[in-house]
Structures are given as structure tokens and as C-alpha cells.
Amino acid sequence: METIQVVLDSELLRATNGATKRARANRSSLIREALREHLKRLRANEFEARDRRGYQRRPDAGDAAAWEWVASGPER
């Protein structure tokens, strides 16, 4: 693991310290987990935005019948 320095304002530091006590964790582990969750949400948002742009460019691409065939599975 690498060590970094993070600057927090007083209010955020107090909230972080309170959360660490409630979670019975240390500050570093709480911040690591919060950052992991935030990065996961950012990635999901990027995928959603990419898909949204794709559908906007080609809103009529593909028809429902083709997807129904795929969804019907191997028992065709």
C-alpha cells in the first residue's frame, strides 16, 4: 500500500471520525472503502452515459423480435 496525504475540512474530518467510531474501523480503511464505492459509481455512470449516447445516436437500431429470439435461449 502507498501512503498519501489528504486534506479535509474540519466538518468532514469530524464526520469521518464519528463514522470510524460507529463502524469500529480506522480512518484509512473507511476512506479506502468510500473511495472504492465512489469509483464503482463513477464507472457505472460512465457505462450508463455511453449506452445512453449509443441509443440516442441509433434509437431504432435493432428490433424487438431479434432480441426475443436471443432471449428465448437454447431450447429454440
N, C-alpha and C. Protein backbone atom coordinates (compact mmCIF):
# COMPACT_ATOMS: atom_id res chain seq x y z
N MET A 1 0.84 -1.18 0.00
CA MET A 1 0.00 0.00 0.00
C MET A 1 0.88 1.23 0.00
N GLU A 2 0.34 2.26 -0.58
CA GLU A 2 1.02 3.55 -0.61
C GLU A 2 0.42 4.46 0.46
N THR A 3 1.20 5.38 0.93
CA THR A 3 0.73 6.39 1.88
C THR A 3 0.59 7.71 1.15
N ILE A 4 -0.56 8.35 1.35
CA ILE A 4 -0.81 9.66 0.74
C ILE A 4 -1.27 10.63 1.82
N GLN A 5 -1.31 11.87 1.47
CA GLN A 5 -1.81 12.89 2.38
C GLN A 5 -3.09 13.45 1.78
N VAL A 6 -4.13 13.52 2.59
CA VAL A 6 -5.42 14.05 2.14
C VAL A 6 -5.80 15.19 3.08
N VAL A 7 -6.24 16.29 2.51
CA VAL A 7 -6.65 17.45 3.30
C VAL A 7 -8.17 17.44 3.39
N LEU A 8 -8.69 17.49 4.61
CA LEU A 8 -10.13 17.52 4.85
C LEU A 8 -10.47 18.77 5.65
N ASP A 9 -11.63 19.34 5.36
CA ASP A 9 -12.05 20.47 6.19
C ASP A 9 -12.52 19.91 7.54
N SER A 10 -12.65 20.78 8.52
CA SER A 10 -12.95 20.37 9.89
C SER A 10 -14.24 19.57 9.99
N GLU A 11 -15.26 20.02 9.30
CA GLU A 11 -16.56 19.36 9.36
C GLU A 11 -16.48 17.93 8.80
N LEU A 12 -15.81 17.78 7.67
CA LEU A 12 -15.67 16.46 7.06
C LEU A 12 -14.81 15.55 7.94
N LEU A 13 -13.79 16.09 8.56
CA LEU A 13 -12.94 15.31 9.46
C LEU A 13 -13.75 14.83 10.67
N ARG A 14 -14.56 15.71 11.25
CA ARG A 14 -15.40 15.31 12.39
C ARG A 14 -16.36 14.20 11.99
N ALA A 15 -16.99 14.35 10.82
CA ALA A 15 -17.93 13.33 10.33
C ALA A 15 -17.19 12.01 10.08
N THR A 16 -16.01 12.08 9.53
CA THR A 16 -15.20 10.89 9.28
C THR A 16 -14.83 10.20 10.59
N ASN A 17 -14.39 10.97 11.55
CA ASN A 17 -14.03 10.40 12.85
C ASN A 17 -15.23 9.75 13.52
N GLY A 18 -16.38 10.38 13.43
CA GLY A 18 -17.60 9.80 14.00
C GLY A 18 -17.97 8.50 13.30
N ALA A 19 -17.84 8.48 11.98
CA ALA A 19 -18.17 7.27 11.21
C ALA A 19 -17.21 6.14 11.54
N THR A 20 -15.95 6.47 11.77
CA THR A 20 -14.98 5.41 12.11
C THR A 20 -15.30 4.79 13.46
N LYS A 21 -15.74 5.62 14.41
CA LYS A 21 -16.11 5.08 15.72
C LYS A 21 -17.33 4.19 15.60
N ARG A 22 -18.35 4.63 14.85
CA ARG A 22 -19.56 3.83 14.69
C ARG A 22 -19.28 2.52 13.95
N ALA A 23 -18.39 2.57 12.98
CA ALA A 23 -18.06 1.38 12.19
C ALA A 23 -16.98 0.52 12.87
N ARG A 24 -16.42 1.03 13.95
CA ARG A 24 -15.31 0.36 14.63
C ARG A 24 -14.21 0.00 13.63
N ALA A 25 -13.87 1.00 12.85
CA ALA A 25 -12.83 0.85 11.83
C ALA A 25 -11.83 1.98 12.03
N ASN A 26 -10.76 1.95 11.27
CA ASN A 26 -9.85 3.08 11.34
C ASN A 26 -10.14 4.01 10.16
N ARG A 27 -9.63 5.20 10.28
CA ARG A 27 -9.91 6.24 9.29
C ARG A 27 -9.47 5.82 7.89
N SER A 28 -8.28 5.24 7.79
CA SER A 28 -7.76 4.84 6.48
C SER A 28 -8.67 3.81 5.80
N SER A 29 -9.11 2.81 6.55
CA SER A 29 -9.97 1.78 5.94
C SER A 29 -11.31 2.37 5.52
N LEU A 30 -11.84 3.29 6.32
CA LEU A 30 -13.11 3.93 5.96
C LEU A 30 -12.95 4.75 4.68
N ILE A 31 -11.88 5.50 4.57
CA ILE A 31 -11.65 6.31 3.37
C ILE A 31 -11.40 5.43 2.16
N ARG A 32 -10.65 4.34 2.32
CA ARG A 32 -10.42 3.41 1.21
C ARG A 32 -11.74 2.85 0.69
N GLU A 33 -12.60 2.40 1.61
CA GLU A 33 -13.88 1.82 1.20
C GLU A 33 -14.77 2.86 0.54
N ALA A 34 -14.79 4.07 1.08
CA ALA A 34 -15.59 5.14 0.48
C ALA A 34 -15.10 5.46 -0.94
N LEU A 35 -13.80 5.48 -1.11
CA LEU A 35 -13.23 5.76 -2.43
C LEU A 35 -13.54 4.62 -3.41
N ARG A 36 -13.44 3.37 -2.95
CA ARG A 36 -13.80 2.23 -3.81
C ARG A 36 -15.25 2.35 -4.29
N GLU A 37 -16.15 2.63 -3.36
CA GLU A 37 -17.57 2.75 -3.71
C GLU A 37 -17.80 3.91 -4.67
N HIS A 38 -17.14 5.02 -4.43
CA HIS A 38 -17.28 6.18 -5.30
C HIS A 38 -16.79 5.87 -6.71
N LEU A 39 -15.63 5.22 -6.81
CA LEU A 39 -15.09 4.86 -8.13
C LEU A 39 -16.00 3.86 -8.85
N LYS A 40 -16.61 2.95 -8.10
CA LYS A 40 -17.54 1.99 -8.69
C LYS A 40 -18.76 2.73 -9.28
N ARG A 41 -19.28 3.71 -8.53
CA ARG A 41 -20.42 4.51 -9.03
C ARG A 41 -20.03 5.32 -10.26
N LEU A 42 -18.82 5.91 -10.24
CA LEU A 42 -18.37 6.67 -11.41
C LEU A 42 -18.31 5.78 -12.64
N ARG A 43 -17.77 4.57 -12.48
CA ARG A 43 -17.67 3.63 -13.60
C ARG A 43 -19.05 3.25 -14.12
N ALA A 44 -19.97 2.98 -13.22
CA ALA A 44 -21.34 2.64 -13.64
C ALA A 44 -21.97 3.83 -14.37
N ASN A 45 -21.76 5.03 -13.87
CA ASN A 45 -22.30 6.22 -14.53
C ASN A 45 -21.70 6.40 -15.92
N GLU A 46 -20.41 6.10 -16.07
CA GLU A 46 -19.77 6.20 -17.38
C GLU A 46 -20.38 5.20 -18.36
N PHE A 47 -20.62 3.96 -17.90
CA PHE A 47 -21.24 2.95 -18.76
C PHE A 47 -22.65 3.37 -19.17
N GLU A 48 -23.41 3.90 -18.20
CA GLU A 48 -24.77 4.34 -18.50
C GLU A 48 -24.77 5.49 -19.49
N ALA A 49 -23.85 6.43 -19.33
CA ALA A 49 -23.77 7.56 -20.25
C ALA A 49 -23.38 7.09 -21.65
N ARG A 50 -22.44 6.14 -21.73
CA ARG A 50 -22.04 5.58 -23.02
C ARG A 50 -23.22 4.89 -23.70
N ASP A 51 -23.96 4.10 -22.95
CA ASP A 51 -25.13 3.42 -23.52
C ASP A 51 -26.19 4.42 -23.96
N ARG A 52 -26.41 5.45 -23.13
CA ARG A 52 -27.41 6.47 -23.46
C ARG A 52 -27.04 7.17 -24.77
N ARG A 53 -25.74 7.51 -24.91
CA ARG A 53 -25.30 8.16 -26.16
C ARG A 53 -25.50 7.23 -27.35
N GLY A 54 -25.22 5.96 -27.17
CA GLY A 54 -25.40 5.00 -28.26
C GLY A 54 -26.85 4.89 -28.68
N TYR A 55 -27.75 4.83 -27.71
CA TYR A 55 -29.17 4.76 -28.04
C TYR A 55 -29.68 6.04 -28.68
N GLN A 56 -29.11 7.17 -28.27
CA GLN A 56 -29.52 8.43 -28.87
C GLN A 56 -29.05 8.54 -30.31
N ARG A 57 -27.87 7.99 -30.61
CA ARG A 57 -27.37 8.03 -31.98
C ARG A 57 -28.17 7.12 -32.89
N ARG A 58 -28.58 5.97 -32.38
CA ARG A 58 -29.30 4.99 -33.20
C ARG A 58 -30.50 4.47 -32.41
N PRO A 59 -31.51 5.32 -32.22
CA PRO A 59 -32.64 4.91 -31.38
C PRO A 59 -33.44 3.75 -31.97
N ASP A 60 -33.41 3.56 -33.28
CA ASP A 60 -34.19 2.49 -33.88
C ASP A 60 -33.34 1.28 -34.26
N ALA A 61 -32.09 1.25 -33.79
CA ALA A 61 -31.19 0.14 -34.13
C ALA A 61 -31.71 -1.15 -33.48
N GLY A 62 -31.83 -2.17 -34.26
CA GLY A 62 -32.30 -3.46 -33.76
C GLY A 62 -33.79 -3.46 -33.55
N ASP A 63 -34.37 -4.63 -33.70
CA ASP A 63 -35.80 -4.70 -33.43
C ASP A 63 -36.06 -5.67 -32.30
N ALA A 64 -37.20 -5.56 -31.69
CA ALA A 64 -37.53 -6.36 -30.52
C ALA A 64 -37.59 -7.85 -30.86
N ALA A 65 -38.01 -8.18 -32.06
CA ALA A 65 -38.13 -9.59 -32.44
C ALA A 65 -36.77 -10.28 -32.37
N ALA A 66 -35.73 -9.61 -32.80
CA ALA A 66 -34.39 -10.21 -32.74
C ALA A 66 -33.99 -10.47 -31.30
N TRP A 67 -34.30 -9.57 -30.42
CA TRP A 67 -33.96 -9.77 -29.01
C TRP A 67 -34.81 -10.86 -28.38
N GLU A 68 -36.05 -10.97 -28.78
CA GLU A 68 -36.89 -12.04 -28.28
C GLU A 68 -36.31 -13.39 -28.65
N TRP A 69 -35.77 -13.50 -29.86
CA TRP A 69 -35.16 -14.74 -30.32
C TRP A 69 -33.95 -15.08 -29.45
N VAL A 70 -33.13 -14.08 -29.17
CA VAL A 70 -31.95 -14.30 -28.33
C VAL A 70 -32.37 -14.68 -26.92
N ALA A 71 -33.38 -14.01 -26.40
CA ALA A 71 -33.83 -14.26 -25.03
C ALA A 71 -34.50 -15.63 -24.88
N SER A 72 -34.94 -16.21 -25.98
CA SER A 72 -35.64 -17.49 -25.89
C SER A 72 -34.71 -18.63 -25.48
N GLY A 73 -33.41 -18.40 -25.59
CA GLY A 73 -32.44 -19.38 -25.09
C GLY A 73 -32.20 -20.54 -26.01
N PRO A 74 -31.50 -21.53 -25.52
CA PRO A 74 -31.05 -22.65 -26.37
C PRO A 74 -32.17 -23.62 -26.75
N GLU A 75 -33.32 -23.54 -26.14
CA GLU A 75 -34.39 -24.50 -26.45
C GLU A 75 -35.17 -24.15 -27.71
N ARG A 76 -34.58 -23.33 -28.59
CA ARG A 76 -35.24 -22.93 -29.83
C ARG A 76 -35.55 -24.11 -30.67
